[in-house]
Each structure stands twice: as structure tokens, then as C-alpha cells.
Amino acid sequence: MSTTTIVDSNRREGDDRRITRASVLSSHHWNGRRRAHRRASDATRSRLDHYDARLLAPSLTILVLCVVDALITLSLLDRGAVEVNLVMRVLIEEGVVVFIATKYLMTACGLVWLVIHNNFKVFQRIRVEHVIYACAGIYVSLLVYELVLLRALIQQVGPA
């Protein structure tokens, strides 16, 4: 008859690395390690440390369009248009710099949140990544609309 030794699988040597956080000086703290999901089931409900380069173009596009939108809005207001968004109207009354900076920061914060959650799904059907692309497309449409308004106001009132 043979004797079998049961080895305790929970016996570990050294400190548990999960208890302490990575040091600010650690390369993992700044560079991260998660570039891909470990399991297929993680792909729709988890975050990564590195994001797909495909998100860079629409993200930068949205940020640039945000500033262009603010400048065109100010041009429209100079020619007699009225800001219907109450929050933006209050910011414009505070000053041009406050308006542009706050608009940009609100857009950037929302965009960062969307990029972090890009693998999640909205209504269990639409990936947030696709929402980012849709936002870029909607922003382009908004700017085309604003340029049409600006052209009509310039023809009506003349250059400022």
C-alpha cells in the first residue's frame, strides 16, 4: 500500500503582493500591464491599462471639434445668434476663456470615461467603442449645421 502526501496548495512563501499597492515609482504603476483580456468572458465587462490605438483618432477628433465648435458658437453669438443651452449661456456670460475651458474639460472628462469603458455595452447591445465613433460623427454633423447657420448670418448681417 502506498502512502500519499497531501500538499497544502494554499501554502505560499513571501508576502502576499495583492495586499500592498504598487509604488508610484514602479513602472507598473505608470505603464500598466493589462493589454488584453485573459478570458473571452472578460472582454465585455472589464477595463485595461492600455487602450486600442483605434480609439485615439476619434478621441482627438472629438477634442479638436469641441474647440472648433466653441469658436464657431462665439462667432454665431457675435452675429446675433442666441445660445439655447442654459449651462453654456451661463459659461459664456462668465467669459470666453471660462466658456471654452469648461466646455473642453467637460468633453475631455466624458471622453476619458468612454475610453475607459470602451469594451462595455450600452443596453447590452452597443459597444461603447462604437458610441465614441458615433459621437465623432454627430460632432461633425453639428459643425456642418453651425457653418450653414454662420454662412446664412454672414449673408444676412454681413461680416463682423
N, C-alpha and C. Protein backbone atom coordinates (compact mmCIF):
# COMPACT_ATOMS: atom_id res chain seq x y z
N MET A 1 0.83 -1.16 0.00
CA MET A 1 0.00 0.00 0.00
C MET A 1 0.89 1.24 0.00
N SER A 2 0.57 2.18 -0.87
CA SER A 2 1.40 3.38 -0.95
C SER A 2 0.80 4.50 -0.11
N THR A 3 1.66 5.31 0.37
CA THR A 3 1.18 6.46 1.15
C THR A 3 1.23 7.70 0.27
N THR A 4 0.22 8.50 0.36
CA THR A 4 0.14 9.73 -0.43
C THR A 4 0.21 10.92 0.52
N THR A 5 1.02 11.86 0.14
CA THR A 5 1.14 13.06 0.95
C THR A 5 0.30 14.15 0.30
N ILE A 6 -0.53 14.77 1.09
CA ILE A 6 -1.35 15.88 0.59
C ILE A 6 -0.57 17.17 0.84
N VAL A 7 -0.35 17.90 -0.23
CA VAL A 7 0.38 19.16 -0.15
C VAL A 7 -0.62 20.29 -0.06
N ASP A 8 -0.41 21.15 0.89
CA ASP A 8 -1.30 22.29 1.05
C ASP A 8 -1.08 23.26 -0.11
N SER A 9 -2.08 23.38 -0.98
CA SER A 9 -1.93 24.23 -2.17
C SER A 9 -2.00 25.71 -1.83
N ASN A 10 -2.44 26.06 -0.64
CA ASN A 10 -2.52 27.46 -0.25
C ASN A 10 -1.26 27.94 0.45
N ARG A 11 -0.30 27.06 0.63
CA ARG A 11 0.93 27.44 1.29
C ARG A 11 1.80 28.23 0.30
N ARG A 12 2.10 29.46 0.71
CA ARG A 12 2.91 30.32 -0.16
C ARG A 12 4.04 30.90 0.66
N GLU A 13 5.09 31.18 -0.05
CA GLU A 13 6.24 31.79 0.61
C GLU A 13 6.27 33.28 0.29
N GLY A 14 6.70 34.08 1.22
CA GLY A 14 6.82 35.51 1.00
C GLY A 14 5.52 36.25 1.26
N ASP A 15 5.58 37.56 1.09
CA ASP A 15 4.42 38.40 1.34
C ASP A 15 3.42 38.29 0.19
N ASP A 16 2.17 38.48 0.53
CA ASP A 16 1.11 38.49 -0.49
C ASP A 16 1.18 39.82 -1.23
N ARG A 17 1.51 39.81 -2.51
CA ARG A 17 1.69 41.02 -3.28
C ARG A 17 0.38 41.78 -3.49
N ARG A 18 -0.75 41.13 -3.29
CA ARG A 18 -2.04 41.78 -3.50
C ARG A 18 -2.42 42.72 -2.37
N ILE A 19 -1.76 42.61 -1.24
CA ILE A 19 -2.10 43.43 -0.09
C ILE A 19 -1.60 44.86 -0.26
N THR A 20 -0.42 45.03 -0.80
CA THR A 20 0.15 46.37 -0.96
C THR A 20 -0.01 46.84 -2.40
N ARG A 21 -0.18 48.14 -2.54
CA ARG A 21 -0.31 48.73 -3.88
C ARG A 21 1.08 48.98 -4.46
N ALA A 22 1.12 49.09 -5.77
CA ALA A 22 2.40 49.35 -6.44
C ALA A 22 2.88 50.75 -6.07
N SER A 23 4.15 50.89 -5.92
CA SER A 23 4.75 52.18 -5.61
C SER A 23 4.56 53.13 -6.78
N VAL A 24 4.50 54.42 -6.48
CA VAL A 24 4.38 55.43 -7.53
C VAL A 24 5.60 55.38 -8.45
N LEU A 25 6.72 54.92 -7.93
CA LEU A 25 7.94 54.83 -8.74
C LEU A 25 7.99 53.55 -9.56
N SER A 26 7.08 52.65 -9.34
CA SER A 26 7.06 51.38 -10.07
C SER A 26 6.65 51.60 -11.53
N SER A 27 7.28 50.89 -12.43
CA SER A 27 6.93 51.02 -13.84
C SER A 27 5.52 50.51 -14.10
N HIS A 28 5.04 49.56 -13.31
CA HIS A 28 3.68 49.04 -13.49
C HIS A 28 2.63 50.07 -13.10
N HIS A 29 3.00 50.96 -12.18
CA HIS A 29 2.05 51.99 -11.76
C HIS A 29 1.73 52.92 -12.93
N TRP A 30 2.73 53.29 -13.71
CA TRP A 30 2.54 54.23 -14.81
C TRP A 30 2.27 53.54 -16.14
N ASN A 31 2.92 52.44 -16.39
CA ASN A 31 2.78 51.78 -17.69
C ASN A 31 1.68 50.73 -17.71
N GLY A 32 1.35 50.18 -16.56
CA GLY A 32 0.33 49.15 -16.52
C GLY A 32 0.80 47.87 -17.19
N ARG A 33 0.00 46.84 -17.08
CA ARG A 33 0.38 45.57 -17.69
C ARG A 33 -0.71 44.97 -18.54
N ARG A 34 -1.95 45.31 -18.25
CA ARG A 34 -3.05 44.64 -18.96
C ARG A 34 -3.26 45.26 -20.33
N ARG A 35 -2.84 44.52 -21.36
CA ARG A 35 -3.03 44.96 -22.74
C ARG A 35 -4.16 44.18 -23.41
N ALA A 36 -4.51 43.05 -22.85
CA ALA A 36 -5.58 42.22 -23.41
C ALA A 36 -6.28 41.50 -22.26
N HIS A 37 -7.45 40.99 -22.57
CA HIS A 37 -8.23 40.26 -21.57
C HIS A 37 -7.70 38.83 -21.44
N ARG A 38 -7.76 38.30 -20.23
CA ARG A 38 -7.29 36.92 -20.02
C ARG A 38 -8.30 35.89 -20.52
N ARG A 39 -9.58 36.20 -20.37
CA ARG A 39 -10.62 35.27 -20.79
C ARG A 39 -11.58 35.98 -21.74
N ALA A 40 -12.16 35.24 -22.62
CA ALA A 40 -13.12 35.83 -23.58
C ALA A 40 -14.30 36.45 -22.84
N SER A 41 -14.69 35.86 -21.72
CA SER A 41 -15.83 36.38 -20.98
C SER A 41 -15.53 37.74 -20.34
N ASP A 42 -14.24 38.09 -20.19
CA ASP A 42 -13.86 39.38 -19.61
C ASP A 42 -13.96 40.52 -20.61
N ALA A 43 -14.04 40.22 -21.87
CA ALA A 43 -13.92 41.23 -22.92
C ALA A 43 -15.04 42.27 -22.90
N THR A 44 -16.19 41.96 -22.35
CA THR A 44 -17.29 42.92 -22.40
C THR A 44 -17.50 43.66 -21.09
N ARG A 45 -16.82 43.29 -20.02
CA ARG A 45 -17.08 43.93 -18.73
C ARG A 45 -15.81 44.25 -17.94
N SER A 46 -14.72 44.52 -18.60
CA SER A 46 -13.51 44.82 -17.85
C SER A 46 -12.75 45.97 -18.48
N ARG A 47 -11.82 46.51 -17.71
CA ARG A 47 -11.01 47.62 -18.17
C ARG A 47 -9.58 47.15 -18.38
N LEU A 48 -8.85 47.86 -19.22
CA LEU A 48 -7.45 47.53 -19.48
C LEU A 48 -6.58 48.72 -19.10
N ASP A 49 -5.28 48.47 -18.98
CA ASP A 49 -4.34 49.55 -18.71
C ASP A 49 -3.90 50.24 -19.99
N HIS A 50 -3.92 49.53 -21.09
CA HIS A 50 -3.54 50.07 -22.40
C HIS A 50 -4.76 49.96 -23.30
N TYR A 51 -5.00 51.01 -24.06
CA TYR A 51 -6.19 51.04 -24.90
C TYR A 51 -5.80 50.96 -26.36
N ASP A 52 -6.73 50.48 -27.15
CA ASP A 52 -6.50 50.27 -28.57
C ASP A 52 -6.21 51.61 -29.26
N ALA A 53 -5.24 51.62 -30.13
CA ALA A 53 -4.86 52.83 -30.86
C ALA A 53 -6.00 53.33 -31.74
N ARG A 54 -6.93 52.45 -32.07
CA ARG A 54 -8.07 52.86 -32.89
C ARG A 54 -8.92 53.92 -32.20
N LEU A 55 -8.85 54.00 -30.88
CA LEU A 55 -9.64 54.99 -30.15
C LEU A 55 -8.98 56.37 -30.15
N LEU A 56 -7.71 56.44 -30.51
CA LEU A 56 -7.01 57.71 -30.48
C LEU A 56 -7.56 58.70 -31.51
N ALA A 57 -7.76 58.26 -32.73
CA ALA A 57 -8.23 59.16 -33.79
C ALA A 57 -9.60 59.76 -33.48
N PRO A 58 -10.61 58.95 -33.16
CA PRO A 58 -11.90 59.58 -32.86
C PRO A 58 -11.86 60.44 -31.59
N SER A 59 -11.04 60.06 -30.63
CA SER A 59 -10.95 60.84 -29.39
C SER A 59 -10.34 62.21 -29.66
N LEU A 60 -9.23 62.23 -30.39
CA LEU A 60 -8.61 63.51 -30.72
C LEU A 60 -9.52 64.34 -31.63
N THR A 61 -10.22 63.68 -32.53
CA THR A 61 -11.16 64.37 -33.41
C THR A 61 -12.23 65.08 -32.59
N ILE A 62 -12.78 64.37 -31.61
CA ILE A 62 -13.82 64.95 -30.76
C ILE A 62 -13.28 66.16 -30.00
N LEU A 63 -12.07 66.05 -29.46
CA LEU A 63 -11.49 67.16 -28.70
C LEU A 63 -11.23 68.38 -29.58
N VAL A 64 -10.73 68.16 -30.79
CA VAL A 64 -10.48 69.28 -31.71
C VAL A 64 -11.82 69.89 -32.13
N LEU A 65 -12.80 69.05 -32.45
CA LEU A 65 -14.11 69.56 -32.86
C LEU A 65 -14.79 70.33 -31.74
N CYS A 66 -14.52 69.95 -30.50
CA CYS A 66 -15.08 70.67 -29.35
C CYS A 66 -14.60 72.11 -29.34
N VAL A 67 -13.31 72.32 -29.56
CA VAL A 67 -12.76 73.68 -29.57
C VAL A 67 -13.29 74.46 -30.79
N VAL A 68 -13.33 73.81 -31.95
CA VAL A 68 -13.86 74.46 -33.16
C VAL A 68 -15.32 74.83 -32.94
N ASP A 69 -16.08 73.95 -32.32
CA ASP A 69 -17.49 74.22 -32.01
C ASP A 69 -17.62 75.45 -31.12
N ALA A 70 -16.77 75.55 -30.11
CA ALA A 70 -16.81 76.71 -29.21
C ALA A 70 -16.52 78.00 -29.98
N LEU A 71 -15.53 77.96 -30.86
CA LEU A 71 -15.17 79.16 -31.63
C LEU A 71 -16.28 79.56 -32.61
N ILE A 72 -16.87 78.58 -33.26
CA ILE A 72 -17.98 78.88 -34.19
C ILE A 72 -19.18 79.40 -33.41
N THR A 73 -19.43 78.84 -32.23
CA THR A 73 -20.53 79.31 -31.40
C THR A 73 -20.32 80.78 -31.04
N LEU A 74 -19.11 81.15 -30.66
CA LEU A 74 -18.82 82.54 -30.34
C LEU A 74 -19.01 83.45 -31.55
N SER A 75 -18.64 82.95 -32.74
CA SER A 75 -18.85 83.72 -33.97
C SER A 75 -20.34 83.93 -34.23
N LEU A 76 -21.10 82.87 -34.04
CA LEU A 76 -22.55 82.97 -34.22
C LEU A 76 -23.16 83.97 -33.24
N LEU A 77 -22.70 83.93 -32.00
CA LEU A 77 -23.23 84.85 -30.99
C LEU A 77 -22.88 86.30 -31.32
N ASP A 78 -21.70 86.52 -31.89
CA ASP A 78 -21.30 87.87 -32.30
C ASP A 78 -22.20 88.41 -33.40
N ARG A 79 -22.80 87.53 -34.16
CA ARG A 79 -23.66 87.93 -35.28
C ARG A 79 -25.15 87.88 -34.93
N GLY A 80 -25.46 87.75 -33.64
CA GLY A 80 -26.86 87.84 -33.22
C GLY A 80 -27.54 86.55 -32.87
N ALA A 81 -26.87 85.43 -32.99
CA ALA A 81 -27.49 84.16 -32.60
C ALA A 81 -27.64 84.12 -31.07
N VAL A 82 -28.45 83.19 -30.59
CA VAL A 82 -28.69 83.05 -29.15
C VAL A 82 -28.32 81.63 -28.74
N GLU A 83 -27.60 81.51 -27.63
CA GLU A 83 -27.25 80.18 -27.09
C GLU A 83 -28.46 79.64 -26.35
N VAL A 84 -28.97 78.48 -26.78
CA VAL A 84 -30.16 77.92 -26.15
C VAL A 84 -29.82 76.99 -24.98
N ASN A 85 -28.59 76.52 -24.93
CA ASN A 85 -28.16 75.66 -23.82
C ASN A 85 -27.89 76.55 -22.61
N LEU A 86 -28.68 76.38 -21.56
CA LEU A 86 -28.60 77.24 -20.38
C LEU A 86 -27.22 77.20 -19.72
N VAL A 87 -26.63 76.01 -19.61
CA VAL A 87 -25.32 75.87 -18.97
C VAL A 87 -24.27 76.63 -19.78
N MET A 88 -24.27 76.45 -21.09
CA MET A 88 -23.30 77.14 -21.93
C MET A 88 -23.54 78.65 -21.92
N ARG A 89 -24.80 79.07 -21.86
CA ARG A 89 -25.11 80.50 -21.81
C ARG A 89 -24.51 81.14 -20.56
N VAL A 90 -24.65 80.45 -19.41
CA VAL A 90 -24.07 80.96 -18.17
C VAL A 90 -22.55 81.02 -18.28
N LEU A 91 -21.94 80.00 -18.87
CA LEU A 91 -20.49 79.99 -19.02
C LEU A 91 -20.01 81.11 -19.94
N ILE A 92 -20.76 81.39 -21.00
CA ILE A 92 -20.39 82.48 -21.92
C ILE A 92 -20.48 83.82 -21.20
N GLU A 93 -21.48 83.96 -20.34
CA GLU A 93 -21.60 85.21 -19.57
C GLU A 93 -20.44 85.38 -18.60
N GLU A 94 -19.86 84.28 -18.15
CA GLU A 94 -18.69 84.34 -17.25
C GLU A 94 -17.43 84.79 -17.99
N GLY A 95 -17.38 84.53 -19.28
CA GLY A 95 -16.23 84.94 -20.07
C GLY A 95 -15.88 83.89 -21.11
N VAL A 96 -15.21 84.32 -22.14
CA VAL A 96 -14.86 83.44 -23.26
C VAL A 96 -13.92 82.33 -22.82
N VAL A 97 -12.91 82.67 -22.03
CA VAL A 97 -11.94 81.66 -21.59
C VAL A 97 -12.62 80.62 -20.70
N VAL A 98 -13.48 81.08 -19.80
CA VAL A 98 -14.21 80.15 -18.93
C VAL A 98 -15.09 79.23 -19.76
N PHE A 99 -15.76 79.80 -20.75
CA PHE A 99 -16.64 79.02 -21.63
C PHE A 99 -15.85 77.93 -22.37
N ILE A 100 -14.78 78.32 -23.04
CA ILE A 100 -14.01 77.35 -23.84
C ILE A 100 -13.35 76.31 -22.94
N ALA A 101 -12.75 76.74 -21.84
CA ALA A 101 -12.07 75.80 -20.94
C ALA A 101 -13.04 74.81 -20.32
N THR A 102 -14.19 75.29 -19.86
CA THR A 102 -15.16 74.38 -19.24
C THR A 102 -15.76 73.43 -20.25
N LYS A 103 -16.07 73.93 -21.44
CA LYS A 103 -16.62 73.07 -22.50
C LYS A 103 -15.61 71.97 -22.84
N TYR A 104 -14.34 72.36 -22.97
CA TYR A 104 -13.30 71.39 -23.29
C TYR A 104 -13.13 70.36 -22.17
N LEU A 105 -13.08 70.82 -20.93
CA LEU A 105 -12.90 69.90 -19.80
C LEU A 105 -14.08 68.94 -19.65
N MET A 106 -15.29 69.44 -19.85
CA MET A 106 -16.46 68.56 -19.77
C MET A 106 -16.40 67.48 -20.85
N THR A 107 -16.02 67.89 -22.05
CA THR A 107 -15.91 66.95 -23.15
C THR A 107 -14.79 65.94 -22.89
N ALA A 108 -13.64 66.44 -22.44
CA ALA A 108 -12.49 65.56 -22.19
C ALA A 108 -12.79 64.55 -21.08
N CYS A 109 -13.42 64.99 -20.01
CA CYS A 109 -13.75 64.06 -18.91
C CYS A 109 -14.72 62.98 -19.38
N GLY A 110 -15.73 63.38 -20.11
CA GLY A 110 -16.68 62.40 -20.65
C GLY A 110 -16.01 61.44 -21.61
N LEU A 111 -15.10 61.95 -22.40
CA LEU A 111 -14.38 61.11 -23.36
C LEU A 111 -13.46 60.12 -22.67
N VAL A 112 -12.78 60.56 -21.63
CA VAL A 112 -11.92 59.65 -20.86
C VAL A 112 -12.76 58.52 -20.27
N TRP A 113 -13.92 58.86 -19.74
CA TRP A 113 -14.81 57.84 -19.16
C TRP A 113 -15.24 56.84 -20.25
N LEU A 114 -15.57 57.34 -21.43
CA LEU A 114 -15.97 56.44 -22.53
C LEU A 114 -14.82 55.54 -22.96
N VAL A 115 -13.62 56.08 -23.05
CA VAL A 115 -12.46 55.28 -23.47
C VAL A 115 -12.18 54.19 -22.43
N ILE A 116 -12.24 54.54 -21.16
CA ILE A 116 -12.00 53.54 -20.11
C ILE A 116 -13.01 52.40 -20.20
N HIS A 117 -14.24 52.73 -20.55
CA HIS A 117 -15.31 51.72 -20.62
C HIS A 117 -15.59 51.26 -22.04
N ASN A 118 -14.61 51.36 -22.93
CA ASN A 118 -14.87 51.09 -24.35
C ASN A 118 -15.33 49.67 -24.64
N ASN A 119 -15.02 48.71 -23.77
CA ASN A 119 -15.45 47.33 -24.01
C ASN A 119 -16.83 47.02 -23.43
N PHE A 120 -17.37 47.94 -22.69
CA PHE A 120 -18.69 47.72 -22.10
C PHE A 120 -19.75 47.88 -23.19
N LYS A 121 -20.94 47.44 -22.87
CA LYS A 121 -22.05 47.56 -23.83
C LYS A 121 -23.15 48.43 -23.26
N VAL A 122 -23.75 49.24 -24.13
CA VAL A 122 -24.87 50.07 -23.77
C VAL A 122 -26.13 49.30 -24.16
N PHE A 123 -27.07 49.20 -23.25
CA PHE A 123 -28.31 48.44 -23.49
C PHE A 123 -28.03 47.00 -23.91
N GLN A 124 -26.92 46.46 -23.48
CA GLN A 124 -26.50 45.08 -23.74
C GLN A 124 -26.36 44.79 -25.24
N ARG A 125 -26.22 45.82 -26.05
CA ARG A 125 -26.13 45.60 -27.49
C ARG A 125 -25.01 46.37 -28.17
N ILE A 126 -24.82 47.63 -27.77
CA ILE A 126 -23.91 48.52 -28.49
C ILE A 126 -22.65 48.74 -27.66
N ARG A 127 -21.49 48.42 -28.24
CA ARG A 127 -20.23 48.65 -27.52
C ARG A 127 -19.97 50.14 -27.39
N VAL A 128 -19.44 50.54 -26.26
CA VAL A 128 -19.13 51.95 -26.01
C VAL A 128 -18.12 52.46 -27.04
N GLU A 129 -17.25 51.60 -27.52
CA GLU A 129 -16.31 52.00 -28.58
C GLU A 129 -17.07 52.57 -29.77
N HIS A 130 -18.19 51.96 -30.14
CA HIS A 130 -18.99 52.45 -31.26
C HIS A 130 -19.69 53.76 -30.91
N VAL A 131 -19.99 53.95 -29.64
CA VAL A 131 -20.58 55.22 -29.19
C VAL A 131 -19.57 56.36 -29.41
N ILE A 132 -18.29 56.08 -29.17
CA ILE A 132 -17.25 57.09 -29.38
C ILE A 132 -17.20 57.49 -30.85
N TYR A 133 -17.23 56.51 -31.75
CA TYR A 133 -17.25 56.82 -33.18
C TYR A 133 -18.50 57.60 -33.56
N ALA A 134 -19.64 57.22 -32.98
CA ALA A 134 -20.90 57.93 -33.26
C ALA A 134 -20.83 59.38 -32.78
N CYS A 135 -20.23 59.60 -31.63
CA CYS A 135 -20.08 60.97 -31.11
C CYS A 135 -19.25 61.82 -32.05
N ALA A 136 -18.19 61.25 -32.59
CA ALA A 136 -17.36 61.99 -33.55
C ALA A 136 -18.18 62.35 -34.79
N GLY A 137 -18.96 61.41 -35.28
CA GLY A 137 -19.81 61.67 -36.45
C GLY A 137 -20.88 62.72 -36.17
N ILE A 138 -21.48 62.64 -35.01
CA ILE A 138 -22.51 63.62 -34.63
C ILE A 138 -21.89 65.01 -34.49
N TYR A 139 -20.68 65.06 -33.94
CA TYR A 139 -20.00 66.35 -33.79
C TYR A 139 -19.71 66.97 -35.15
N VAL A 140 -19.29 66.15 -36.11
CA VAL A 140 -19.06 66.66 -37.47
C VAL A 140 -20.36 67.22 -38.04
N SER A 141 -21.46 66.49 -37.85
CA SER A 141 -22.76 66.96 -38.34
C SER A 141 -23.16 68.28 -37.68
N LEU A 142 -22.91 68.40 -36.38
CA LEU A 142 -23.21 69.63 -35.67
C LEU A 142 -22.41 70.81 -36.24
N LEU A 143 -21.14 70.58 -36.52
CA LEU A 143 -20.32 71.65 -37.06
C LEU A 143 -20.76 72.06 -38.46
N VAL A 144 -21.18 71.09 -39.26
CA VAL A 144 -21.70 71.43 -40.60
C VAL A 144 -22.93 72.31 -40.45
N TYR A 145 -23.81 71.94 -39.52
CA TYR A 145 -25.02 72.73 -39.26
C TYR A 145 -24.64 74.15 -38.81
N GLU A 146 -23.68 74.26 -37.89
CA GLU A 146 -23.26 75.58 -37.41
C GLU A 146 -22.64 76.42 -38.53
N LEU A 147 -21.88 75.78 -39.41
CA LEU A 147 -21.29 76.51 -40.54
C LEU A 147 -22.37 77.02 -41.50
N VAL A 148 -23.42 76.22 -41.70
CA VAL A 148 -24.54 76.66 -42.53
C VAL A 148 -25.22 77.87 -41.88
N LEU A 149 -25.43 77.81 -40.55
CA LEU A 149 -26.01 78.95 -39.84
C LEU A 149 -25.12 80.19 -39.95
N LEU A 150 -23.82 79.99 -39.77
CA LEU A 150 -22.88 81.09 -39.84
C LEU A 150 -22.89 81.74 -41.22
N ARG A 151 -22.92 80.91 -42.24
CA ARG A 151 -22.96 81.43 -43.63
C ARG A 151 -24.23 82.24 -43.85
N ALA A 152 -25.36 81.74 -43.36
CA ALA A 152 -26.64 82.46 -43.52
C ALA A 152 -26.61 83.79 -42.77
N LEU A 153 -26.03 83.79 -41.57
CA LEU A 153 -25.95 85.04 -40.80
C LEU A 153 -25.00 86.04 -41.46
N ILE A 154 -23.91 85.56 -42.04
CA ILE A 154 -22.97 86.45 -42.72
C ILE A 154 -23.65 87.08 -43.94
N GLN A 155 -24.42 86.30 -44.68
CA GLN A 155 -25.13 86.82 -45.84
C GLN A 155 -26.20 87.82 -45.42
N GLN A 156 -26.82 87.59 -44.29
CA GLN A 156 -27.90 88.44 -43.79
C GLN A 156 -27.38 89.73 -43.16
N VAL A 157 -26.40 89.58 -42.28
CA VAL A 157 -25.91 90.71 -41.49
C VAL A 157 -24.63 91.29 -42.07
N GLY A 158 -23.83 90.47 -42.66
CA GLY A 158 -22.50 90.89 -43.16
C GLY A 158 -21.43 90.45 -42.20
N PRO A 159 -20.17 90.54 -42.62
CA PRO A 159 -19.06 90.10 -41.75
C PRO A 159 -19.01 90.95 -40.48
N ALA A 160 -18.54 90.33 -39.41
CA ALA A 160 -18.49 91.04 -38.12
C ALA A 160 -17.33 92.00 -38.08
